[in-house]
C-alpha atoms as a PDB file:
ATOM      1  CA  MET A   1     -44.391 122.344-188.266  1.00  0.00           C
ATOM      2  CA  PHE A   2     -43.031 118.882-190.113  1.00  0.00           C
ATOM      3  CA  LEU A   3     -45.014 116.735-187.775  1.00  0.00           C
ATOM      4  CA  LYS A   4     -48.528 118.958-187.874  1.00  0.00           C
ATOM      5  CA  ALA A   5     -48.058 118.713-191.632  1.00  0.00           C
ATOM      6  CA  ILE A   6     -47.335 114.683-191.972  1.00  0.00           C
ATOM      7  CA  LEU A   7     -50.098 113.926-189.033  1.00  0.00           C
ATOM      8  CA  PRO A   8     -53.479 114.162-191.288  1.00  0.00           C
ATOM      9  CA  CYS A   9     -51.808 111.728-193.807  1.00  0.00           C
ATOM     10  CA  LEU A  10     -51.111 109.383-191.434  1.00  0.00           C
ATOM     11  CA  PHE A  11     -54.245 109.370-189.743  1.00  0.00           C
ATOM     12  CA  LEU A  12     -55.807 109.143-193.675  1.00  0.00           C
ATOM     13  CA  LEU A  13     -53.383 105.966-194.135  1.00  0.00           C
ATOM     14  CA  ALA A  14     -54.419 104.675-190.620  1.00  0.00           C
ATOM     15  CA  ALA A  15     -58.279 104.783-191.741  1.00  0.00           C
ATOM     16  CA  CYS A  16     -57.381 103.650-195.319  1.00  0.00           C
ATOM     17  CA  GLN A  17     -55.809 100.222-193.202  1.00  0.00           C
ATOM     18  CA  VAL A  18     -58.803  99.635-191.141  1.00  0.00           C
ATOM     19  CA  PRO A  19     -60.890  96.719-193.025  1.00  0.00           C
ATOM     20  CA  GLU A  20     -64.527  98.002-193.428  1.00  0.00           C
ATOM     21  CA  PRO A  21     -66.938  96.242-191.470  1.00  0.00           C
ATOM     22  CA  THR A  22     -69.086  93.579-193.462  1.00  0.00           C
ATOM     23  CA  SER A  23     -72.033  91.704-192.618  1.00  0.00           C
ATOM     24  CA  GLU A  24     -73.632  88.460-194.058  1.00  0.00           C
ATOM     25  CA  VAL A  25     -77.188  88.592-195.523  1.00  0.00           C
ATOM     26  CA  VAL A  26     -78.980  86.158-194.058  1.00  0.00           C
ATOM     27  CA  GLU A  27     -82.056  84.561-195.803  1.00  0.00           C
ATOM     28  CA  GLU A  28     -85.354  84.773-194.865  1.00  0.00           C
ATOM     29  CA  PRO A  29     -87.636  81.750-194.955  1.00  0.00           C
ATOM     30  CA  THR A  30     -90.208  82.084-197.458  1.00  0.00           C
ATOM     31  CA  TRP A  31     -93.177  80.135-198.598  1.00  0.00           C
ATOM     32  CA  GLN A  32     -92.918  77.132-200.703  1.00  0.00           C
ATOM     33  CA  SER A  33     -95.810  76.215-203.006  1.00  0.00           C
ATOM     34  CA  LEU A  34     -96.087  72.515-203.160  1.00  0.00           C
ATOM     35  CA  PHE A  35     -98.431  72.875-205.698  1.00  0.00           C
ATOM     36  CA  ASP A  36     -97.691  74.412-209.206  1.00  0.00           C
ATOM     37  CA  GLY A  37    -101.139  74.208-210.118  1.00  0.00           C
ATOM     38  CA  GLN A  38    -100.998  72.226-213.150  1.00  0.00           C
ATOM     39  CA  SER A  39     -99.858  68.464-212.136  1.00  0.00           C
ATOM     40  CA  LEU A  40     -99.539  66.956-209.421  1.00  0.00           C
ATOM     41  CA  SER A  41     -95.876  66.674-208.959  1.00  0.00           C
ATOM     42  CA  GLY A  42     -93.977  65.515-205.888  1.00  0.00           C
ATOM     43  CA  TRP A  43     -97.007  64.040-204.474  1.00  0.00           C
ATOM     44  CA  THR A  44     -98.051  60.418-204.365  1.00  0.00           C
ATOM     45  CA  PRO A  45    -101.671  59.118-203.484  1.00  0.00           C
ATOM     46  CA  LYS A  46    -102.673  56.336-201.098  1.00  0.00           C
ATOM     47  CA  ILE A  47    -106.311  55.101-201.992  1.00  0.00           C
ATOM     48  CA  ARG A  48    -107.605  52.325-199.075  1.00  0.00           C
ATOM     49  CA  GLY A  49    -107.411  48.797-201.307  1.00  0.00           C
ATOM     50  CA  PHE A  50    -104.228  49.998-203.317  1.00  0.00           C
ATOM     51  CA  ALA A  51    -100.693  50.242-203.514  1.00  0.00           C
ATOM     52  CA  ALA A  52     -99.074  53.769-202.673  1.00  0.00           C
ATOM     53  CA  GLY A  53     -98.605  55.662-205.932  1.00  0.00           C
ATOM     54  CA  GLU A  54    -101.935  53.817-207.552  1.00  0.00           C
ATOM     55  CA  ASP A  55    -104.933  55.630-207.912  1.00  0.00           C
ATOM     56  CA  PRO A  56    -106.764  54.309-210.674  1.00  0.00           C
ATOM     57  CA  LEU A  57    -110.247  56.166-210.558  1.00  0.00           C
ATOM     58  CA  GLN A  58    -108.260  59.693-210.553  1.00  0.00           C
ATOM     59  CA  THR A  59    -110.050  60.425-207.492  1.00  0.00           C
ATOM     60  CA  PHE A  60    -107.118  63.318-207.281  1.00  0.00           C
ATOM     61  CA  ARG A  61    -107.063  65.757-209.985  1.00  0.00           C
ATOM     62  CA  VAL A  62    -105.539  68.842-211.430  1.00  0.00           C
ATOM     63  CA  ARG A  63    -108.220  71.064-212.699  1.00  0.00           C
ATOM     64  CA  ASP A  64    -108.108  74.008-213.554  1.00  0.00           C
ATOM     65  CA  GLY A  65    -105.319  74.995-211.463  1.00  0.00           C
ATOM     66  CA  VAL A  66    -106.791  72.949-208.121  1.00  0.00           C
ATOM     67  CA  ILE A  67    -106.569  70.073-206.316  1.00  0.00           C
ATOM     68  CA  ALA A  68    -109.503  68.381-207.258  1.00  0.00           C
ATOM     69  CA  ILE A  69    -110.978  65.342-205.199  1.00  0.00           C
ATOM     70  CA  ASP A  70    -113.187  64.051-207.662  1.00  0.00           C
ATOM     71  CA  TYR A  71    -115.213  60.950-207.438  1.00  0.00           C
ATOM     72  CA  SER A  72    -116.942  61.114-211.404  1.00  0.00           C
ATOM     73  CA  ASN A  73    -115.292  57.671-212.018  1.00  0.00           C
ATOM     74  CA  TYR A  74    -116.345  55.763-208.954  1.00  0.00           C
ATOM     75  CA  GLU A  75    -119.639  53.843-210.608  1.00  0.00           C
ATOM     76  CA  GLY A  76    -122.479  55.231-207.771  1.00  0.00           C
ATOM     77  CA  ASN A  77    -120.285  53.915-204.707  1.00  0.00           C
ATOM     78  CA  TYR A  78    -117.725  55.229-202.519  1.00  0.00           C
ATOM     79  CA  ASP A  79    -116.969  51.811-200.808  1.00  0.00           C
ATOM     80  CA  GLU A  80    -115.074  52.865-197.987  1.00  0.00           C
ATOM     81  CA  ARG A  81    -111.926  53.503-200.203  1.00  0.00           C
ATOM     82  CA  PHE A  82    -110.649  56.401-198.233  1.00  0.00           C
ATOM     83  CA  GLY A  83    -107.539  58.060-199.873  1.00  0.00           C
ATOM     84  CA  HIS A  84    -104.653  60.413-198.897  1.00  0.00           C
ATOM     85  CA  LEU A  85    -102.687  62.782-201.355  1.00  0.00           C
ATOM     86  CA  PHE A  86     -99.136  62.747-199.901  1.00  0.00           C
ATOM     87  CA  HIS A  87     -96.532  65.187-200.551  1.00  0.00           C
ATOM     88  CA  ASP A  88     -93.177  63.548-200.877  1.00  0.00           C
ATOM     89  CA  MET A  89     -91.030  65.733-198.612  1.00  0.00           C
ATOM     90  CA  PRO A  90     -91.099  64.866-194.466  1.00  0.00           C
ATOM     91  CA  TRP A  91     -91.450  68.203-193.084  1.00  0.00           C
ATOM     92  CA  THR A  92     -90.725  69.181-189.116  1.00  0.00           C
ATOM     93  CA  ASP A  93     -90.900  73.043-188.179  1.00  0.00           C
ATOM     94  CA  TYR A  94     -93.206  74.918-190.432  1.00  0.00           C
ATOM     95  CA  LEU A  95     -96.309  76.705-191.114  1.00  0.00           C
ATOM     96  CA  LEU A  96     -98.546  74.917-193.957  1.00  0.00           C
ATOM     97  CA  ARG A  97    -100.808  76.992-195.163  1.00  0.00           C
ATOM     98  CA  VAL A  98    -104.290  76.250-197.024  1.00  0.00           C
ATOM     99  CA  GLU A  99    -107.406  77.424-198.948  1.00  0.00           C
ATOM    100  CA  TYR A 100    -109.891  74.833-199.985  1.00  0.00           C
ATOM    101  CA  ARG A 101    -113.684  74.672-200.673  1.00  0.00           C
ATOM    102  CA  PHE A 102    -116.295  72.056-200.465  1.00  0.00           C
ATOM    103  CA  THR A 103    -118.316  71.289-203.748  1.00  0.00           C
ATOM    104  CA  GLY A 104    -120.788  69.349-205.160  1.00  0.00           C
ATOM    105  CA  GLU A 105    -122.739  66.620-203.009  1.00  0.00           C
ATOM    106  CA  GLN A 106    -121.240  63.768-200.923  1.00  0.00           C
ATOM    107  CA  MET A 107    -120.218  60.419-202.947  1.00  0.00           C
ATOM    108  CA  PRO A 108    -123.378  58.153-202.557  1.00  0.00           C
ATOM    109  CA  GLY A 109    -122.063  55.589-200.022  1.00  0.00           C
ATOM    110  CA  GLY A 110    -120.289  57.872-197.710  1.00  0.00           C
ATOM    111  CA  PRO A 111    -120.599  57.378-194.394  1.00  0.00           C
ATOM    112  CA  GLY A 112    -122.730  60.011-192.552  1.00  0.00           C
ATOM    113  CA  TRP A 113    -120.397  61.807-190.525  1.00  0.00           C
ATOM    114  CA  ALA A 114    -117.875  62.271-193.741  1.00  0.00           C
ATOM    115  CA  TRP A 115    -120.200  64.580-195.295  1.00  0.00           C
ATOM    116  CA  ARG A 116    -118.574  68.155-196.084  1.00  0.00           C
ATOM    117  CA  ASN A 117    -115.474  66.238-194.225  1.00  0.00           C
ATOM    118  CA  SER A 118    -111.763  66.659-195.386  1.00  0.00           C
ATOM    119  CA  GLY A 119    -108.750  67.064-193.155  1.00  0.00           C
ATOM    120  CA  LEU A 120    -104.947  68.362-193.466  1.00  0.00           C
ATOM    121  CA  MET A 121    -102.780  65.117-192.177  1.00  0.00           C
ATOM    122  CA  VAL A 122     -99.230  66.735-190.555  1.00  0.00           C
ATOM    123  CA  HIS A 123     -96.690  64.674-189.031  1.00  0.00           C
ATOM    124  CA  GLY A 124     -98.230  61.379-190.722  1.00  0.00           C
ATOM    125  CA  GLN A 125     -96.458  57.883-192.129  1.00  0.00           C
ATOM    126  CA  SER A 126     -95.124  57.822-195.425  1.00  0.00           C
ATOM    127  CA  ALA A 127     -97.336  56.464-197.988  1.00  0.00           C
ATOM    128  CA  GLU A 128     -95.339  53.522-198.837  1.00  0.00           C
ATOM    129  CA  SER A 129     -95.628  52.057-194.933  1.00  0.00           C
ATOM    130  CA  MET A 130     -99.641  52.230-195.072  1.00  0.00           C
ATOM    131  CA  ARG A 131    -100.904  48.708-195.424  1.00  0.00           C
ATOM    132  CA  ILE A 132    -103.360  47.695-198.389  1.00  0.00           C
ATOM    133  CA  ASP A 133    -106.356  47.806-196.874  1.00  0.00           C
ATOM    134  CA  GLN A 134    -105.459  50.861-194.275  1.00  0.00           C
ATOM    135  CA  ASP A 135    -108.021  53.691-193.508  1.00  0.00           C
ATOM    136  CA  PHE A 136    -105.995  56.577-192.755  1.00  0.00           C
ATOM    137  CA  PRO A 137    -102.195  57.276-192.111  1.00  0.00           C
ATOM    138  CA  VAL A 138    -101.300  57.392-188.439  1.00  0.00           C
ATOM    139  CA  SER A 139    -100.885  60.968-187.894  1.00  0.00           C
ATOM    140  CA  ILE A 140    -102.198  64.464-186.321  1.00  0.00           C
ATOM    141  CA  GLU A 141    -105.126  65.415-188.412  1.00  0.00           C
ATOM    142  CA  VAL A 142    -106.780  68.950-188.990  1.00  0.00           C
ATOM    143  CA  GLN A 143    -110.041  68.270-189.345  1.00  0.00           C
ATOM    144  CA  LEU A 144    -112.277  70.113-192.383  1.00  0.00           C
ATOM    145  CA  LEU A 145    -115.659  70.622-191.940  1.00  0.00           C
ATOM    146  CA  GLY A 146    -118.298  72.507-193.527  1.00  0.00           C
ATOM    147  CA  GLY A 147    -121.941  73.878-192.036  1.00  0.00           C
ATOM    148  CA  ASP A 148    -125.272  72.933-193.296  1.00  0.00           C
ATOM    149  CA  GLY A 149    -126.132  76.349-193.126  1.00  0.00           C
ATOM    150  CA  THR A 150    -127.852  76.385-189.838  1.00  0.00           C
ATOM    151  CA  ASN A 151    -126.273  74.525-186.925  1.00  0.00           C
ATOM    152  CA  HIS A 152    -123.167  75.453-185.029  1.00  0.00           C
ATOM    153  CA  ARG A 153    -120.460  72.877-186.498  1.00  0.00           C
ATOM    154  CA  ALA A 154    -116.528  73.460-185.405  1.00  0.00           C
ATOM    155  CA  ASN A 155    -114.016  73.503-188.222  1.00  0.00           C
ATOM    156  CA  ALA A 156    -110.205  72.822-187.879  1.00  0.00           C
ATOM    157  CA  ASN A 157    -110.747  70.406-185.387  1.00  0.00           C
ATOM    158  CA  LEU A 158    -108.117  67.698-184.411  1.00  0.00           C
ATOM    159  CA  CYS A 159    -108.707  64.086-185.211  1.00  0.00           C
ATOM    160  CA  THR A 160    -105.443  61.309-183.815  1.00  0.00           C
ATOM    161  CA  PRO A 161    -105.770  58.847-186.474  1.00  0.00           C
ATOM    162  CA  GLY A 162    -102.836  56.429-184.699  1.00  0.00           C
ATOM    163  CA  THR A 163    -102.019  58.999-182.433  1.00  0.00           C
ATOM    164  CA  ASN A 164    -102.046  60.618-178.908  1.00  0.00           C
ATOM    165  CA  VAL A 165    -101.589  64.205-178.077  1.00  0.00           C
ATOM    166  CA  VAL A 166    -101.203  66.208-174.898  1.00  0.00           C
ATOM    167  CA  MET A 167    -103.460  69.492-173.855  1.00  0.00           C
ATOM    168  CA  ASN A 168    -103.642  71.399-169.806  1.00  0.00           C
ATOM    169  CA  GLU A 169    -100.719  68.666-169.552  1.00  0.00           C
ATOM    170  CA  GLU A 170    -102.895  65.395-169.488  1.00  0.00           C
ATOM    171  CA  LEU A 171    -102.708  62.702-172.279  1.00  0.00           C
ATOM    172  CA  VAL A 172    -106.008  63.267-174.672  1.00  0.00           C
ATOM    173  CA  ARG A 173    -106.858  59.719-175.830  1.00  0.00           C
ATOM    174  CA  ARG A 174    -110.269  60.324-177.225  1.00  0.00           C
ATOM    175  CA  HIS A 175    -110.326  60.588-181.381  1.00  0.00           C
ATOM    176  CA  CYS A 176    -111.539  64.234-182.197  1.00  0.00           C
ATOM    177  CA  THR A 177    -111.400  67.648-180.111  1.00  0.00           C
ATOM    178  CA  ASP A 178    -113.640  70.570-181.688  1.00  0.00           C
ATOM    179  CA  SER A 179    -111.793  73.762-181.531  1.00  0.00           C
ATOM    180  CA  SER A 180    -113.115  77.125-180.867  1.00  0.00           C
ATOM    181  CA  SER A 181    -113.932  78.152-184.223  1.00  0.00           C
ATOM    182  CA  ALA A 182    -117.028  79.780-185.871  1.00  0.00           C
ATOM    183  CA  THR A 183    -118.793  77.574-188.436  1.00  0.00           C
ATOM    184  CA  ASN A 184    -118.316  77.690-192.607  1.00  0.00           C
ATOM    185  CA  HIS A 185    -121.277  77.345-194.776  1.00  0.00           C
ATOM    186  CA  GLY A 186    -121.202  76.961-197.735  1.00  0.00           C
ATOM    187  CA  ASN A 187    -119.133  76.124-200.560  1.00  0.00           C
ATOM    188  CA  ASP A 188    -116.707  79.734-200.032  1.00  0.00           C
ATOM    189  CA  TRP A 189    -113.164  79.363-200.131  1.00  0.00           C
ATOM    190  CA  VAL A 190    -111.474  78.926-196.480  1.00  0.00           C
ATOM    191  CA  TRP A 191    -107.813  79.902-195.480  1.00  0.00           C
ATOM    192  CA  ILE A 192    -106.545  77.214-193.181  1.00  0.00           C
ATOM    193  CA  GLU A 193    -103.052  77.644-190.921  1.00  0.00           C
ATOM    194  CA  VAL A 194    -101.427  74.863-189.191  1.00  0.00           C
ATOM    195  CA  GLU A 195     -98.131  75.929-187.117  1.00  0.00           C
ATOM    196  CA  VAL A 196     -96.176  72.481-186.412  1.00  0.00           C
ATOM    197  CA  ARG A 197     -93.592  72.903-183.816  1.00  0.00           C
ATOM    198  CA  GLY A 198     -92.173  69.401-184.188  1.00  0.00           C
ATOM    199  CA  SER A 199     -93.093  67.280-181.036  1.00  0.00           C
ATOM    200  CA  GLN A 200     -93.401  70.462-178.919  1.00  0.00           C
ATOM    201  CA  VAL A 201     -96.694  72.305-180.046  1.00  0.00           C
ATOM    202  CA  ILE A 202     -98.926  72.424-182.842  1.00  0.00           C
ATOM    203  CA  ARG A 203    -101.839  75.501-183.456  1.00  0.00           C
ATOM    204  CA  HIS A 204    -104.522  75.553-185.526  1.00  0.00           C
ATOM    205  CA  PHE A 205    -105.537  78.611-187.306  1.00  0.00           C
ATOM    206  CA  LEU A 206    -108.827  79.416-189.372  1.00  0.00           C
ATOM    207  CA  ASN A 207    -108.763  82.572-191.171  1.00  0.00           C
ATOM    208  CA  GLY A 208    -106.046  84.342-189.325  1.00  0.00           C
ATOM    209  CA  GLN A 209    -107.734  83.312-185.863  1.00  0.00           C
ATOM    210  CA  GLU A 210    -105.724  80.955-183.275  1.00  0.00           C
ATOM    211  CA  VAL A 211    -108.647  78.098-182.369  1.00  0.00           C
ATOM    212  CA  LEU A 212    -107.101  75.522-181.120  1.00  0.00           C
ATOM    213  CA  SER A 213    -103.253  74.235-180.080  1.00  0.00           C
ATOM    214  CA  TYR A 214    -102.078  70.966-177.905  1.00  0.00           C
ATOM    215  CA  GLN A 215     -98.504  69.942-177.251  1.00  0.00           C
ATOM    216  CA  GLN A 216     -96.030  66.850-177.459  1.00  0.00           C
ATOM    217  CA  PRO A 217     -98.043  64.796-180.364  1.00  0.00           C
ATOM    218  CA  GLN A 218     -96.659  61.001-180.090  1.00  0.00           C
ATOM    219  CA  LEU A 219     -97.831  57.708-181.248  1.00  0.00           C
ATOM    220  CA  ASP A 220    -100.766  55.533-179.742  1.00  0.00           C
ATOM    221  CA  GLU A 221     -98.769  52.486-178.210  1.00  0.00           C
ATOM    222  CA  ASN A 222    -102.501  50.709-178.276  1.00  0.00           C
ATOM    223  CA  ASP A 223    -102.421  51.020-181.973  1.00  0.00           C
ATOM    224  CA  ALA A 224    -101.418  48.298-184.023  1.00  0.00           C
ATOM    225  CA  ASP A 225    -100.134  50.367-186.898  1.00  0.00           C
ATOM    226  CA  ALA A 226     -98.463  52.659-184.464  1.00  0.00           C
ATOM    227  CA  GLN A 227     -97.040  49.880-182.882  1.00  0.00           C
ATOM    228  CA  ALA A 228     -95.646  48.943-186.153  1.00  0.00           C
ATOM    229  CA  LEU A 229     -93.888  52.158-186.464  1.00  0.00           C
ATOM    230  CA  PHE A 230     -92.844  52.706-182.782  1.00  0.00           C
ATOM    231  CA  ALA A 231     -91.157  49.080-183.503  1.00  0.00           C
ATOM    232  CA  THR A 232     -89.221  50.815-186.234  1.00  0.00           C
ATOM    233  CA  SER A 233     -88.397  54.500-184.723  1.00  0.00           C
ATOM    234  CA  GLY A 234     -87.997  53.551-181.580  1.00  0.00           C
ATOM    235  CA  GLU A 235     -89.548  57.022-180.919  1.00  0.00           C
ATOM    236  CA  LEU A 236     -92.985  57.661-179.241  1.00  0.00           C
ATOM    237  CA  LEU A 237     -93.421  61.364-179.792  1.00  0.00           C
ATOM    238  CA  LEU A 238     -93.678  62.756-183.286  1.00  0.00           C
ATOM    239  CA  GLU A 239     -90.495  65.449-184.768  1.00  0.00           C
ATOM    240  CA  GLN A 240     -91.716  65.221-188.419  1.00  0.00           C
ATOM    241  CA  GLY A 241     -93.669  63.031-190.732  1.00  0.00           C
ATOM    242  CA  THR A 242     -95.555  63.467-193.900  1.00  0.00           C
ATOM    243  CA  LEU A 243     -98.210  65.928-195.531  1.00  0.00           C
ATOM    244  CA  SER A 244    -102.023  64.871-196.791  1.00  0.00           C
ATOM    245  CA  LEU A 245    -104.614  65.997-197.992  1.00  0.00           C
ATOM    246  CA  GLN A 246    -107.847  63.439-197.250  1.00  0.00           C
ATOM    247  CA  SER A 247    -110.545  61.897-199.438  1.00  0.00           C
ATOM    248  CA  GLU A 248    -113.213  60.800-197.564  1.00  0.00           C
ATOM    249  CA  SER A 249    -116.350  61.082-200.311  1.00  0.00           C
ATOM    250  CA  HIS A 250    -116.925  64.954-200.174  1.00  0.00           C
ATOM    251  CA  PRO A 251    -115.722  66.682-203.010  1.00  0.00           C
ATOM    252  CA  VAL A 252    -112.803  68.882-202.165  1.00  0.00           C
ATOM    253  CA  GLU A 253    -110.977  71.579-203.900  1.00  0.00           C
ATOM    254  CA  PHE A 254    -107.503  72.920-202.950  1.00  0.00           C
ATOM    255  CA  ARG A 255    -106.268  75.787-204.389  1.00  0.00           C
ATOM    256  CA  VAL A 256    -103.301  76.949-202.322  1.00  0.00           C
ATOM    257  CA  VAL A 257    -100.521  74.306-200.191  1.00  0.00           C
ATOM    258  CA  GLU A 258     -97.791  76.318-199.161  1.00  0.00           C
ATOM    259  CA  VAL A 259     -95.465  75.792-196.524  1.00  0.00           C
ATOM    260  CA  LEU A 260     -92.963  78.419-194.370  1.00  0.00           C
ATOM    261  CA  PRO A 261     -90.315  76.508-192.829  1.00  0.00           C
ATOM    262  CA  LEU A 262     -89.222  77.679-189.124  1.00  0.00           C
ATOM    263  CA  ALA A 263     -86.093  77.635-186.877  1.00  0.00           C
ATOM    264  CA  PRO A 264     -87.059  75.003-184.347  1.00  0.00           C
ATOM    265  CA  LEU A 265     -87.907  76.667-180.753  1.00  0.00           C
ATOM    266  CA  PRO A 266     -85.920  76.215-177.224  1.00  0.00           C
ATOM    267  CA  SER A 267     -86.290  72.861-175.877  1.00  0.00           C
ATOM    268  CA  ASN A 268     -88.061  74.596-172.700  1.00  0.00           C
ATOM    269  CA  LEU A 269     -90.403  76.736-174.925  1.00  0.00           C
ATOM    270  CA  THR A 270     -93.596  75.670-176.299  1.00  0.00           C
ATOM    271  CA  GLU A 271     -96.463  78.384-176.153  1.00  0.00           C
END
């Protein structure tokens, strides 16, 4: 009888001595806005002909809650003053999400190919490492193009200043490759997403639809600026780099610039 009486107590005591299972809360990555809506804090301009950080004509400015690429101070001639606005932090594995639109008319003196043309530069060199008279940073460009209201003009294309990529297991040396996208006519806001996975794979998305992908972004050994970068890093494949917004003579506005950090892919997985 005594044993029967104390058994429940023993079981209860044993239960009390077993530690409760614990679980650590793992925080999921969240979207990080790179633009505070009020200033260009965290960004550095680089205009052809000027040192990094100098933008005497205020090409890049904040207006009505957007980053505006504006040529109102250019006194009538673009004069090949290609520009880029660099975010100050390099990135490796991430999703880039941007909402943009073209506005107004192209600046007089801008090249014909730059009409309704801008870009998102990823895996780029730093603003400070560019030559004073360098047109574009060595980078992978997600090319942004607008239509003329009638003809097809693909958007979210690939251009490769100082770089190459691999498609279908072949090294691609051509400068630009069209995506499979529809044309974006007019001045409506457009969503672009870019998935960047180190040196493994990069994918372009237009309004949520994948329109282009490629692998192994790398320096072009035949490009002088790329050669200088290779001499410093000793690495051909591009694992990381800067983000920048492009100025090529047509006014454009960006109202969302966000990054979602991602875990690296397994080394044997690119798709």
